[in-house]
Protein backbone atom coordinates (compact mmCIF):
# COMPACT_ATOMS: atom_id res chain seq x y z
CA MET A 1 0.00 0.00 0.00
CA TYR A 2 2.78 2.32 1.02
CA ASN A 3 4.87 1.51 -2.01
CA ARG A 4 1.94 2.07 -4.39
CA ALA A 5 1.17 5.51 -2.89
CA HIS A 6 4.82 6.46 -2.94
CA LYS A 7 5.12 5.44 -6.56
CA THR A 8 2.02 7.48 -7.48
CA ARG A 9 3.48 10.60 -5.87
CA LEU A 10 6.75 10.14 -7.68
CA ASN A 11 4.93 9.83 -10.97
CA LEU A 12 3.00 13.04 -10.29
CA VAL A 13 6.15 14.93 -9.39
CA PHE A 14 7.93 13.57 -12.44
CA SER A 15 4.99 14.54 -14.66
CA LEU A 16 4.99 18.01 -13.14
CA PHE A 17 8.69 18.41 -13.89
CA ILE A 18 8.13 17.14 -17.42
CA CYS A 19 5.37 19.75 -17.90
CA LEU A 20 7.52 22.56 -16.49
CA LEU A 21 10.47 21.49 -18.60
CA SER A 22 8.24 21.40 -21.69
CA ILE A 23 6.97 24.89 -20.91
CA LEU A 24 10.51 26.15 -20.43
CA LEU A 25 11.65 24.55 -23.66
CA ILE A 26 8.70 26.06 -25.53
CA ARG A 27 9.52 29.44 -23.99
CA ILE A 28 13.18 29.11 -24.93
CA PHE A 29 12.31 28.20 -28.51
CA TYR A 30 9.88 31.13 -28.60
CA ILE A 31 12.52 33.57 -27.35
CA GLN A 32 15.28 32.16 -29.53
CA LEU A 33 13.25 31.91 -32.70
CA ALA A 34 10.08 34.01 -32.67
CA ARG A 35 11.41 36.92 -30.58
CA ALA A 36 15.08 36.68 -31.43
CA HIS A 37 15.05 39.76 -33.65
CA ASN A 38 13.28 41.93 -31.05
CA PHE A 39 15.59 40.98 -28.19
CA ALA A 40 18.68 41.35 -30.35
CA ALA A 41 17.54 44.83 -31.29
CA LEU A 42 16.93 45.69 -27.63
CA ALA A 43 20.38 44.44 -26.65
CA LYS A 44 21.93 46.37 -29.50
CA LYS A 45 20.10 49.51 -28.44
CA GLN A 46 21.30 49.15 -24.85
CA HIS A 47 24.91 48.73 -25.89
CA THR A 48 24.95 51.08 -28.89
CA ALA A 49 25.54 54.83 -28.93
CA ILE A 50 23.98 56.50 -31.97
CA THR A 51 25.25 59.99 -32.78
CA GLU A 52 23.41 61.94 -35.47
CA LEU A 53 25.74 63.82 -37.81
CA GLN A 54 24.25 67.14 -38.87
CA PRO A 55 24.92 68.25 -42.46
CA LYS A 56 26.35 71.64 -43.24
CA ARG A 57 23.67 73.88 -44.70
CA GLY A 58 24.45 75.19 -48.17
CA SER A 59 25.73 78.72 -48.54
CA ILE A 60 24.03 81.59 -50.36
CA TYR A 61 26.17 83.77 -52.63
CA ASP A 62 25.60 86.88 -54.69
CA ARG A 63 26.18 86.80 -58.46
CA ASN A 64 29.94 87.38 -57.92
CA MET A 65 30.23 84.59 -55.31
CA HIS A 66 30.36 86.93 -52.34
CA PRO A 67 28.87 85.07 -49.33
CA LEU A 68 25.49 86.28 -48.07
CA ALA A 69 24.71 83.30 -45.80
CA VAL A 70 27.13 80.68 -44.47
CA SER A 71 27.16 77.93 -41.85
CA LEU A 72 29.81 77.66 -39.12
CA ASN A 73 30.36 74.71 -36.76
CA LEU A 74 29.88 75.91 -33.18
CA ASP A 75 29.76 74.06 -29.85
CA SER A 76 26.46 73.17 -28.19
CA VAL A 77 26.29 72.21 -24.50
CA PHE A 78 24.38 69.15 -23.28
CA ALA A 79 24.27 67.25 -20.02
CA ASN A 80 24.00 63.65 -18.86
CA ALA A 81 22.04 64.68 -15.78
CA ARG A 82 22.54 61.26 -14.16
CA GLU A 83 26.30 61.82 -14.04
CA VAL A 84 26.21 65.34 -12.59
CA LYS A 85 26.83 64.83 -8.86
CA ASN A 86 26.48 68.28 -7.31
CA LYS A 87 23.69 69.76 -9.41
CA LYS A 88 23.40 73.05 -7.50
CA SER A 89 27.11 73.72 -7.76
CA ALA A 90 27.10 72.80 -11.47
CA ALA A 91 24.11 75.07 -12.17
CA ARG A 92 25.82 77.97 -10.40
CA ALA A 93 29.05 77.56 -12.35
CA LEU A 94 27.31 77.07 -15.71
CA SER A 95 25.08 80.07 -15.10
CA SER A 96 28.12 82.34 -15.11
CA ALA A 97 29.76 80.59 -18.07
CA LEU A 98 26.68 80.50 -20.33
CA GLY A 99 24.77 83.60 -19.26
CA LEU A 100 21.72 81.55 -18.25
CA SER A 101 19.72 81.69 -15.04
CA GLU A 102 20.76 79.31 -12.29
CA SER A 103 17.16 78.20 -11.72
CA PHE A 104 16.75 77.28 -15.40
CA LEU A 105 19.92 75.17 -15.38
CA LEU A 106 19.09 73.50 -12.06
CA GLU A 107 15.66 72.49 -13.33
CA ARG A 108 17.19 70.82 -16.39
CA LEU A 109 19.98 69.13 -14.46
CA SER A 110 17.43 67.73 -12.00
CA ARG A 111 15.69 65.70 -14.69
CA ASP A 112 16.38 61.95 -14.76
CA LYS A 113 17.73 61.95 -18.30
CA GLY A 114 20.92 60.84 -19.98
CA PHE A 115 20.80 63.66 -22.55
CA ILE A 116 19.41 67.16 -22.25
CA TRP A 117 20.33 70.37 -24.07
CA LEU A 118 21.56 73.27 -21.94
CA LYS A 119 22.48 75.80 -24.64
CA ARG A 120 23.00 75.35 -28.36
CA LYS A 121 25.43 76.98 -30.77
CA ILE A 122 27.34 79.01 -28.22
CA ALA A 123 30.06 81.58 -28.78
CA PRO A 124 33.71 80.40 -28.71
CA SER A 125 34.27 82.34 -25.47
CA GLU A 126 31.39 80.49 -23.80
CA SER A 127 32.75 77.18 -25.07
CA LYS A 128 36.13 77.95 -23.55
CA ARG A 129 34.59 78.73 -20.14
CA VAL A 130 32.57 75.48 -20.13
CA LYS A 131 35.66 73.43 -20.93
CA GLU A 132 37.58 75.11 -18.10
CA LEU A 133 34.86 74.09 -15.62
CA ASN A 134 35.49 70.41 -16.42
CA ILE A 135 32.22 69.25 -14.85
CA LYS A 136 31.54 65.52 -15.18
CA GLY A 137 28.37 64.95 -17.19
CA ILE A 138 28.62 68.27 -19.08
CA GLU A 139 29.71 67.78 -22.66
CA LEU A 140 30.12 69.76 -25.90
CA VAL A 141 29.12 68.74 -29.41
CA LYS A 142 29.62 70.54 -32.72
CA GLU A 143 26.53 71.88 -34.53
CA PRO A 144 26.24 74.10 -37.62
CA LYS A 145 25.02 77.66 -37.01
CA ARG A 146 23.70 79.96 -39.73
CA VAL A 147 25.60 83.24 -39.98
CA TYR A 148 24.86 86.23 -42.20
CA PRO A 149 28.05 88.25 -42.87
CA ASN A 150 26.19 91.43 -43.91
CA ALA A 151 23.61 91.31 -41.10
CA SER A 152 20.58 93.16 -42.55
CA LEU A 153 21.65 93.33 -46.22
CA ALA A 154 18.84 91.91 -48.41
CA SER A 155 17.30 90.53 -45.23
CA GLN A 156 13.79 89.96 -46.59
CA VAL A 157 15.19 88.31 -49.73
CA ILE A 158 17.62 85.93 -48.02
CA GLY A 159 15.41 85.12 -45.03
CA TYR A 160 16.81 82.96 -42.23
CA ALA A 161 17.14 79.42 -40.89
CA GLY A 162 16.28 78.41 -37.33
CA THR A 163 18.23 76.50 -34.71
CA ASP A 164 17.21 73.16 -36.16
CA ASN A 165 18.78 74.02 -39.55
CA LYS A 166 15.37 74.54 -41.13
CA GLY A 167 14.60 77.52 -43.40
CA LEU A 168 11.92 79.80 -41.99
CA GLU A 169 11.71 82.86 -44.26
CA GLY A 170 12.80 84.13 -47.67
CA LEU A 171 15.05 82.06 -49.92
CA GLU A 172 16.10 80.02 -46.89
CA LEU A 173 12.51 78.77 -46.75
CA LEU A 174 11.74 78.56 -50.47
CA TYR A 175 14.88 76.54 -51.28
CA ASP A 176 15.14 74.66 -47.98
CA GLN A 177 15.04 71.25 -49.69
CA TYR A 178 18.25 72.12 -51.57
CA LEU A 179 20.03 73.97 -48.77
CA LYS A 180 19.43 71.68 -45.79
CA GLY A 181 21.33 68.57 -46.91
CA ALA A 182 20.79 65.10 -45.39
CA PRO A 183 21.86 64.00 -41.88
CA GLY A 184 24.13 60.99 -41.27
CA TYR A 185 24.98 59.00 -38.15
CA ARG A 186 27.80 57.24 -36.31
CA ALA A 187 27.20 54.06 -34.25
CA THR A 188 29.61 52.91 -31.50
CA PHE A 189 29.43 50.51 -28.54
CA ARG A 190 29.02 51.66 -24.93
CA ASP A 191 29.81 49.90 -21.70
CA ALA A 192 27.54 48.95 -18.77
CA ARG A 193 27.74 52.52 -17.47
CA ARG A 194 26.51 53.77 -20.84
CA ARG A 195 29.85 55.37 -21.67
CA GLU A 196 30.78 55.47 -25.33
CA ILE A 197 33.68 53.29 -26.48
CA ALA A 198 34.72 55.41 -29.45
CA SER A 199 37.31 52.91 -30.67
CA PHE A 200 34.55 50.35 -31.32
CA GLU A 201 32.77 52.29 -34.07
CA TYR A 202 30.94 49.80 -36.28
CA GLU A 203 28.64 51.90 -38.48
CA TYR A 204 29.26 55.27 -40.11
CA PHE A 205 27.06 57.07 -42.63
CA PRO A 206 28.40 60.55 -43.36
CA SER A 207 26.02 63.49 -43.63
CA VAL A 208 25.49 65.08 -47.04
CA ASP A 209 26.00 68.84 -47.07
CA GLY A 210 23.38 71.06 -48.67
CA PHE A 211 23.70 72.68 -52.07
CA ASP A 212 24.64 76.34 -52.53
CA LEU A 213 22.47 79.07 -54.05
CA VAL A 214 23.99 81.63 -56.42
CA LEU A 215 21.75 84.68 -56.70
CA THR A 216 21.28 87.35 -59.33
CA ILE A 217 21.68 89.91 -56.53
CA ASP A 218 24.81 92.03 -56.78
CA GLU A 219 26.13 92.76 -53.30
CA ILE A 220 27.54 96.15 -54.33
CA ILE A 221 24.35 97.35 -56.04
CA GLN A 222 22.36 96.02 -53.07
CA HIS A 223 24.54 98.15 -50.76
CA ILE A 224 23.99 101.20 -52.97
CA ALA A 225 20.21 100.71 -53.08
CA GLU A 226 19.93 100.16 -49.32
CA ARG A 227 22.15 103.14 -48.54
CA GLU A 228 19.90 105.42 -50.56
CA ILE A 229 16.61 104.00 -49.30
CA ASP A 230 17.91 104.50 -45.75
CA ARG A 231 18.74 108.10 -46.62
CA ALA A 232 15.18 108.59 -47.91
CA MET A 233 13.81 107.06 -44.70
CA LYS A 234 15.80 109.60 -42.72
CA ASP A 235 14.93 112.59 -44.92
CA TYR A 236 11.23 111.96 -45.53
CA HIS A 237 10.16 109.68 -42.65
CA PRO A 238 7.91 107.23 -44.57
CA ILE A 239 6.32 104.36 -42.64
CA GLY A 240 7.67 101.96 -45.24
CA ALA A 241 9.64 101.82 -48.47
CA SER A 242 10.72 99.50 -51.29
CA ILE A 243 13.44 99.68 -53.90
CA ILE A 244 14.18 97.31 -56.78
CA VAL A 245 17.04 97.34 -59.29
CA MET A 246 16.44 94.98 -62.21
CA ASP A 247 18.12 94.04 -65.48
CA PRO A 248 15.31 94.72 -67.99
CA LYS A 249 16.55 92.23 -70.57
CA THR A 250 16.97 89.14 -68.35
CA GLY A 251 14.69 89.90 -65.42
CA ASP A 252 17.66 89.52 -63.03
CA ILE A 253 17.04 91.26 -59.72
CA LEU A 254 20.28 93.09 -58.96
CA ALA A 255 18.97 94.59 -55.73
CA LEU A 256 15.73 94.38 -53.79
CA SER A 257 15.01 95.76 -50.36
CA SER A 258 12.20 96.93 -48.12
CA ARG A 259 12.00 99.13 -45.06
CA PRO A 260 11.74 98.67 -42.14
CA THR A 261 14.36 95.92 -42.03
CA PHE A 262 16.16 93.74 -39.46
CA SER A 263 19.40 91.88 -38.76
CA LEU A 264 19.35 88.27 -39.92
CA ASN A 265 21.70 87.40 -37.06
CA ALA A 266 19.06 88.46 -34.50
CA PHE A 267 15.76 87.47 -36.11
CA GLU A 268 14.20 85.88 -33.03
CA LYS A 269 12.75 89.07 -31.55
CA VAL A 270 11.87 90.84 -34.81
CA THR A 271 8.25 91.83 -35.46
CA PRO A 272 6.46 90.50 -38.59
CA ASP A 273 6.26 94.04 -40.00
CA LYS A 274 10.05 94.15 -40.40
CA LYS A 275 10.22 90.68 -41.93
CA ARG A 276 7.67 91.48 -44.64
CA ASP A 277 9.09 91.81 -48.15
CA ARG A 278 6.98 94.78 -49.25
CA ALA A 279 8.34 94.64 -52.79
CA VAL A 280 6.35 91.46 -53.48
CA THR A 281 3.75 91.24 -50.68
CA ASP A 282 2.31 94.77 -50.51
CA VAL A 283 -0.15 96.22 -53.01
CA PHE A 284 -0.90 99.90 -53.56
CA GLU A 285 -2.70 102.14 -56.04
CA PRO A 286 0.18 103.25 -58.27
CA GLY A 287 -1.09 106.64 -59.36
CA SER A 288 0.72 108.39 -62.21
CA ILE A 289 3.46 105.77 -62.72
CA PHE A 290 0.66 103.62 -64.14
CA LYS A 291 0.24 106.09 -66.99
CA ILE A 292 3.07 104.29 -68.79
CA VAL A 293 0.60 101.45 -69.41
CA THR A 294 -2.15 103.71 -70.73
CA ALA A 295 0.24 105.59 -73.01
CA SER A 296 1.92 102.43 -74.31
CA ALA A 297 -1.42 100.78 -75.05
CA ALA A 298 -2.71 103.83 -76.95
CA LEU A 299 0.41 103.90 -79.13
CA GLU A 300 0.46 100.14 -79.68
CA LYS A 301 -3.21 100.10 -80.70
CA LYS A 302 -2.55 103.12 -82.95
CA LYS A 303 -5.25 105.16 -81.23
CA VAL A 304 -3.04 108.22 -80.92
CA GLY A 305 -0.05 109.84 -82.57
CA LEU A 306 2.75 111.83 -80.98
CA LYS A 307 1.40 115.11 -82.34
CA ASP A 308 -2.25 114.50 -81.46
CA LYS A 309 -3.52 117.25 -79.18
CA PHE A 310 -5.78 117.01 -76.15
CA PHE A 311 -7.52 119.87 -74.40
CA CYS A 312 -6.72 119.56 -70.69
CA GLU A 313 -9.53 121.85 -69.54
CA ASN A 314 -7.19 124.28 -67.80
CA GLY A 315 -6.73 121.88 -64.92
CA GLN A 316 -10.35 121.13 -63.97
CA TRP A 317 -12.82 118.87 -65.79
CA LYS A 318 -16.26 117.70 -64.75
CA HIS A 319 -16.45 114.54 -66.79
CA ALA A 320 -19.42 112.37 -67.78
CA GLY A 321 -18.93 110.26 -64.65
CA GLY A 322 -20.24 113.17 -62.64
CA LYS A 323 -17.04 113.98 -60.76
CA VAL A 324 -14.44 116.71 -61.18
CA LEU A 325 -10.98 115.63 -62.33
CA HIS A 326 -8.04 117.89 -61.48
CA ASP A 327 -4.51 118.36 -62.74
CA HIS A 328 -1.77 119.44 -60.37
CA LYS A 329 -1.13 122.41 -62.63
CA PRO A 330 -3.59 123.84 -65.21
CA HIS A 331 -2.89 123.05 -68.85
CA GLY A 332 -4.68 123.97 -72.05
CA TRP A 333 -3.89 122.12 -75.26
CA LEU A 334 -1.11 119.50 -74.93
CA THR A 335 0.29 117.06 -77.44
CA PHE A 336 0.23 113.37 -76.53
CA ARG A 337 3.92 113.56 -75.63
CA GLN A 338 3.31 116.57 -73.38
CA VAL A 339 0.40 114.85 -71.67
CA ILE A 340 2.82 112.18 -70.40
CA GLU A 341 5.71 114.57 -69.77
CA LYS A 342 3.53 116.92 -67.73
CA SER A 343 1.63 113.98 -66.18
CA SER A 344 -1.77 115.46 -66.98
CA ASN A 345 -4.56 113.39 -65.43
CA ILE A 346 -7.16 114.96 -67.72
CA GLY A 347 -5.09 114.38 -70.84
CA THR A 348 -4.34 110.77 -69.86
CA VAL A 349 -8.04 110.01 -69.34
CA LYS A 350 -8.89 111.49 -72.74
CA VAL A 351 -6.22 109.26 -74.28
CA ALA A 352 -7.77 106.25 -72.52
CA GLN A 353 -11.20 107.13 -73.89
CA LYS A 354 -9.83 106.63 -77.39
CA LEU A 355 -8.77 103.13 -76.31
CA GLY A 356 -12.00 102.13 -74.61
CA ALA A 357 -12.47 99.98 -71.51
CA SER A 358 -11.98 96.61 -73.17
CA GLU A 359 -8.69 97.40 -74.93
CA LEU A 360 -7.33 99.23 -71.88
CA TYR A 361 -8.12 96.25 -69.66
CA ASP A 362 -6.54 93.80 -72.11
CA SER A 363 -3.37 95.90 -72.25
CA ILE A 364 -3.17 96.06 -68.45
CA LYS A 365 -3.37 92.27 -68.32
CA GLN A 366 -0.78 91.97 -71.10
CA PHE A 367 1.64 93.98 -68.96
CA GLY A 368 1.24 91.31 -66.26
CA PHE A 369 -0.91 93.14 -63.73
CA ALA A 370 -3.44 91.27 -61.59
CA ALA A 371 -1.25 88.17 -61.97
CA LEU A 372 1.80 86.78 -60.19
CA THR A 373 5.16 87.54 -61.74
CA ASP A 374 6.31 84.13 -60.43
CA ILE A 375 9.43 85.65 -58.94
CA ASP A 376 11.23 83.07 -56.82
CA LEU A 377 10.41 84.70 -53.50
CA PRO A 378 7.71 83.57 -51.06
CA GLY A 379 4.59 85.57 -50.31
CA GLU A 380 4.01 87.26 -53.66
CA VAL A 381 0.49 88.62 -54.27
CA PRO A 382 -1.09 89.31 -57.69
CA GLY A 383 -2.70 92.72 -57.20
CA PHE A 384 -6.20 93.42 -58.49
CA ILE A 385 -8.27 95.00 -61.24
CA ARG A 386 -11.93 94.40 -61.99
CA PRO A 387 -12.97 93.25 -65.48
CA PRO A 388 -14.74 95.91 -67.60
CA SER A 389 -18.13 94.24 -66.96
CA LYS A 390 -17.79 95.28 -63.33
CA TRP A 391 -16.41 98.80 -63.87
CA SER A 392 -18.40 101.67 -62.45
CA GLY A 393 -19.31 104.83 -64.34
CA THR A 394 -16.09 106.48 -63.15
CA SER A 395 -13.67 103.57 -63.73
CA ILE A 396 -12.63 104.69 -67.21
CA TYR A 397 -11.61 108.02 -65.64
CA ALA A 398 -9.78 106.49 -62.66
CA ILE A 399 -7.94 103.41 -63.94
CA PRO A 400 -5.88 105.13 -66.69
CA MET A 401 -4.17 107.29 -64.06
CA GLY A 402 -3.56 104.47 -61.59
CA HIS A 403 -6.66 104.34 -59.39
CA GLU A 404 -9.07 101.42 -58.90
CA VAL A 405 -6.15 99.08 -59.58
CA THR A 406 -3.61 97.67 -57.14
CA VAL A 407 -0.08 96.61 -58.02
CA THR A 408 3.14 95.49 -56.35
CA PRO A 409 6.53 97.17 -56.76
CA ILE A 410 7.88 94.11 -58.60
CA GLN A 411 5.02 94.35 -61.10
CA MET A 412 5.87 97.99 -61.78
CA ALA A 413 9.52 97.09 -62.30
CA ARG A 414 8.55 94.41 -64.82
CA ALA A 415 6.14 96.75 -66.62
CA MET A 416 8.83 99.39 -67.07
CA ALA A 417 11.23 96.66 -68.23
CA VAL A 418 8.84 95.98 -71.13
CA ILE A 419 9.47 99.50 -72.41
CA ALA A 420 13.19 99.41 -71.61
CA ASN A 421 13.98 96.07 -73.30
CA GLY A 422 12.06 96.63 -76.52
CA GLY A 423 8.61 95.27 -75.71
CA GLU A 424 9.00 91.88 -74.01
CA LEU A 425 7.52 90.83 -70.67
CA VAL A 426 10.22 88.98 -68.74
CA LYS A 427 10.00 86.83 -65.65
CA PRO A 428 11.94 88.33 -62.72
CA ARG A 429 14.38 85.96 -61.01
CA VAL A 430 16.49 86.07 -57.87
CA VAL A 431 18.25 82.69 -58.04
CA GLU A 432 20.61 82.02 -60.94
CA THR A 433 21.92 78.53 -60.14
CA ILE A 434 21.98 75.80 -57.52
CA GLN A 435 25.38 74.12 -57.26
CA ASP A 436 27.34 71.69 -55.08
CA LYS A 437 30.47 72.41 -53.05
CA HIS A 438 32.67 71.72 -56.08
CA GLY A 439 30.88 74.26 -58.24
CA GLU A 440 29.01 71.69 -60.31
CA ILE A 441 25.63 73.11 -61.35
CA ILE A 442 22.70 71.06 -60.06
CA LYS A 443 19.97 73.31 -61.42
CA SER A 444 20.04 76.42 -63.55
CA PHE A 445 17.33 79.09 -63.92
CA GLU A 446 17.55 80.66 -67.34
CA PRO A 447 15.97 84.03 -68.25
CA VAL A 448 12.36 83.63 -69.40
CA VAL A 449 10.45 85.81 -71.86
CA VAL A 450 6.76 85.42 -71.06
CA ARG A 451 5.38 87.18 -74.15
CA ARG A 452 5.75 90.20 -76.39
CA VAL A 453 3.62 93.10 -75.18
CA LEU A 454 4.75 96.00 -77.39
CA SER A 455 6.36 96.26 -80.79
CA GLU A 456 9.95 97.46 -80.81
CA SER A 457 8.87 100.72 -82.42
CA THR A 458 6.26 101.43 -79.73
CA ALA A 459 8.77 100.65 -76.99
CA ALA A 460 11.34 102.96 -78.64
CA THR A 461 8.76 105.77 -78.84
CA MET A 462 7.87 105.31 -75.18
CA ARG A 463 11.56 105.41 -74.20
CA ASP A 464 11.86 108.72 -76.00
CA ILE A 465 8.73 110.14 -74.33
CA LEU A 466 9.81 109.01 -70.86
CA SER A 467 13.25 110.56 -71.36
CA GLY A 468 11.36 113.82 -71.84
CA VAL A 469 9.65 113.30 -68.47
CA VAL A 470 13.11 113.54 -66.89
CA SER A 471 14.63 116.21 -69.11
CA ASP A 472 11.65 118.58 -69.31
CA GLY A 473 8.78 117.16 -67.26
CA THR A 474 7.90 116.07 -63.75
CA GLY A 475 10.95 113.87 -63.19
CA GLN A 476 13.77 116.38 -63.43
CA TRP A 477 15.20 115.38 -60.05
CA ALA A 478 15.88 111.94 -61.53
CA LYS A 479 18.58 113.29 -63.87
CA VAL A 480 21.96 111.59 -63.72
CA GLU A 481 25.07 113.48 -64.67
CA GLY A 482 26.48 112.25 -67.97
CA TYR A 483 23.63 109.83 -68.76
CA ASN A 484 20.31 110.01 -70.56
CA VAL A 485 17.70 108.51 -68.27
CA ALA A 486 13.95 108.03 -68.50
CA GLY A 487 11.13 107.42 -66.08
CA LYS A 488 7.80 108.38 -64.62
CA THR A 489 6.82 110.04 -61.37
CA GLY A 490 3.82 109.07 -59.27
CA THR A 491 1.95 110.44 -56.28
CA SER A 492 -1.12 108.50 -55.21
CA GLN A 493 -3.57 109.07 -52.39
CA LYS A 494 -4.01 106.22 -49.93
CA ILE A 495 -7.45 104.95 -49.08
CA GLU A 496 -8.79 105.64 -45.58
CA PRO A 497 -10.59 102.92 -43.58
CA ASN A 498 -13.94 104.49 -44.55
CA GLY A 499 -13.18 103.92 -48.24
CA THR A 500 -12.45 107.53 -49.19
CA TYR A 501 -9.18 108.87 -50.59
CA SER A 502 -6.96 110.46 -47.98
CA HIS A 503 -5.87 114.10 -48.23
CA SER A 504 -2.92 113.59 -45.87
CA LYS A 505 -1.52 110.13 -46.68
CA PHE A 506 0.28 109.63 -49.98
CA ILE A 507 2.60 107.21 -51.73
CA GLY A 508 5.45 108.87 -53.60
CA SER A 509 7.04 106.80 -56.37
CA PHE A 510 9.37 106.82 -59.32
CA VAL A 511 10.09 104.11 -61.87
CA GLY A 512 12.74 104.59 -64.53
CA PHE A 513 15.65 103.15 -66.48
CA ALA A 514 19.09 104.06 -67.79
CA PRO A 515 20.78 104.64 -70.12
CA VAL A 516 17.98 105.42 -72.58
CA GLU A 517 20.03 104.32 -75.61
CA ASP A 518 20.66 100.82 -74.23
CA PRO A 519 18.93 100.32 -70.85
CA LYS A 520 20.95 98.28 -68.36
CA ILE A 521 18.91 98.85 -65.23
CA VAL A 522 15.32 99.52 -64.24
CA ILE A 523 14.81 101.06 -60.81
CA VAL A 524 11.60 101.35 -58.81
CA VAL A 525 11.40 103.50 -55.68
CA ILE A 526 8.27 103.47 -53.49
CA LEU A 527 7.89 105.60 -50.33
CA ASP A 528 4.81 105.00 -48.18
CA GLN A 529 3.51 108.17 -46.47
CA PRO A 530 6.59 110.39 -46.78
CA HIS A 531 6.48 113.83 -45.14
CA PRO A 532 6.68 116.77 -45.10
CA PHE A 533 7.10 116.38 -48.90
CA TYR A 534 5.28 113.58 -50.66
CA TYR A 535 5.42 114.18 -54.43
CA GLY A 536 7.15 111.30 -56.20
CA GLY A 537 9.20 113.74 -58.25
CA VAL A 538 10.57 115.24 -55.03
CA VAL A 539 11.04 112.27 -52.68
CA ALA A 540 11.52 109.23 -54.95
CA ALA A 541 13.17 110.64 -58.10
CA PRO A 542 16.35 111.77 -56.26
CA VAL A 543 16.74 108.24 -54.83
CA PHE A 544 16.55 106.87 -58.37
CA SER A 545 19.15 109.40 -59.50
CA ARG A 546 21.72 108.50 -56.84
CA VAL A 547 21.25 104.74 -57.22
CA ALA A 548 21.39 104.93 -61.02
CA ARG A 549 24.51 107.11 -60.92
CA ASP A 550 26.50 104.78 -58.67
CA ALA A 551 25.17 101.56 -60.21
CA LEU A 552 26.04 102.66 -63.76
CA ARG A 553 29.55 103.63 -62.67
CA TYR A 554 29.98 100.32 -60.88
CA LEU A 555 28.78 98.45 -63.97
CA ASP A 556 31.31 100.43 -65.99
CA ILE A 557 28.67 101.94 -68.27
CA LYS A 558 30.38 104.85 -69.98
CA PRO A 559 28.59 108.24 -69.86
CA GLU A 560 27.01 109.45 -73.09
CA ARG A 561 27.77 113.09 -72.31
CA LEU A 562 30.01 114.91 -69.91
CA THR A 563 28.06 118.12 -69.42
CA GLU A 564 27.04 118.81 -65.85
CA VAL A 565 23.41 118.22 -65.03
CA LYS A 566 21.64 121.08 -63.32
CA ARG A 567 18.82 120.28 -60.93
CA GLU A 568 17.55 123.71 -60.03
CA VAL A 569 13.95 122.61 -59.79
CA GLU A 570 11.66 124.31 -57.29
CA ILE A 571 9.53 121.95 -55.21
CA SER A 572 6.47 124.05 -55.95
CA SER A 573 6.90 123.55 -59.68
CA VAL A 574 7.13 119.75 -59.60
CA GLU A 575 4.07 117.96 -60.98
CA ASP A 576 2.75 114.41 -60.72
């Protein structure tokens, strides 16, 4: 009896062990086969140190390969908080070395983390002080930092990249995919204390640096343009301003700037108003500079001749629209040429009446208004004009002289380029090529002619008329010693919040080109609410003159004549 019971218990125990062993074997096979990959990956993760290798962001150069944006490798400070023994003492010492608050550093060092940033992309002097502290658990690593050698030069064009090497504004944003490059990594083993064993590196994928941008911007002409727009800001106190210098034949933007501006090296605290590129994002009613479109269209459609005369009503005309149209200065009979030279509103409207609403509208669209220029800058807006079917009874009297239509400065530059280059509408461009570090071109942006707008003969006639605006008309302050230049003045009233035209807020403008015989540059100057003077011929034309003078000399364009230009023009006699 005893033996049988004993034998039964032994069998049960043996069976139990067999079951447990079977379970263990099944578990072992499961771990070794089914979960082998997962556990191997976990073990590898625990004993592997992965270091991401940041690429160097591509540089941005002007057309002559002068650097406008570069990346430098600077130290960043991080901590293995678990290794920092005396956290209060470390926070106190680092506070002095890094210029950070002790409480901020103590809070970060108190976290139970093996990696935490303390300060990124520090100055070399700060890096030196951290190294001298020699605090266990505080380390330095190299990171690329974006630096802009000219600070605020072409700030709204270039834009900026943030701490994470990502483009945030301007060309830095628009071409981020080319500039940013691709990160790599380095894998090494680490010991039980999670310390890297650098000599046991087993995987290495190098980062790929970003491509470089080569712009059409000329650093010297950009300096000239910004110097003169800053002078205008000081002299006439506008709330904003834009200036563009453009090659009329290729559409190359040689200079483009807006005011107010900011330093690209300190963009973090800058207000959106300073970041805005007014030359492409802001619309305004152009006023008299828009008369170049009306005049060109009338000539192209053969509705007028140079000697055709228009009665300008002695400066005051109650037209069929029921309102009174004024000229700045009373005129009687004027030829078509004189209408443009003297900038007669009444004469311009009478020219437009010969065109008619439909042909005027078509010509405005042909010049590229109410459409994007497709310039390679972010934020461009198209401007606006209603189709003739929606014009009011006064539209035919307002639109020809630049009211009831909104434009951007870049659109006005392109429109004047049509006249300067012989009649073709070109696409403006800021980027010329994208290339690698060895100078091999990855992508090229060739000049683009969108369409022909004017015949060569019409464009030549308009160049001659607009040269008269400067020599004998409203733009005499735009004269440039030794050169024949052409252009058009403009003074437009801003619209008040209640929808009426302001009698105290104006936009003064000038758009022109030089030399007349073979135009090399088109320049647009826009001043928003200048005071105490606001006429475009007074505030904007002199800016054009100084920029054109220095730009032509820099470009080595020889003067056509050497006689001294006299600018004895009384402010009271200037018309728009």
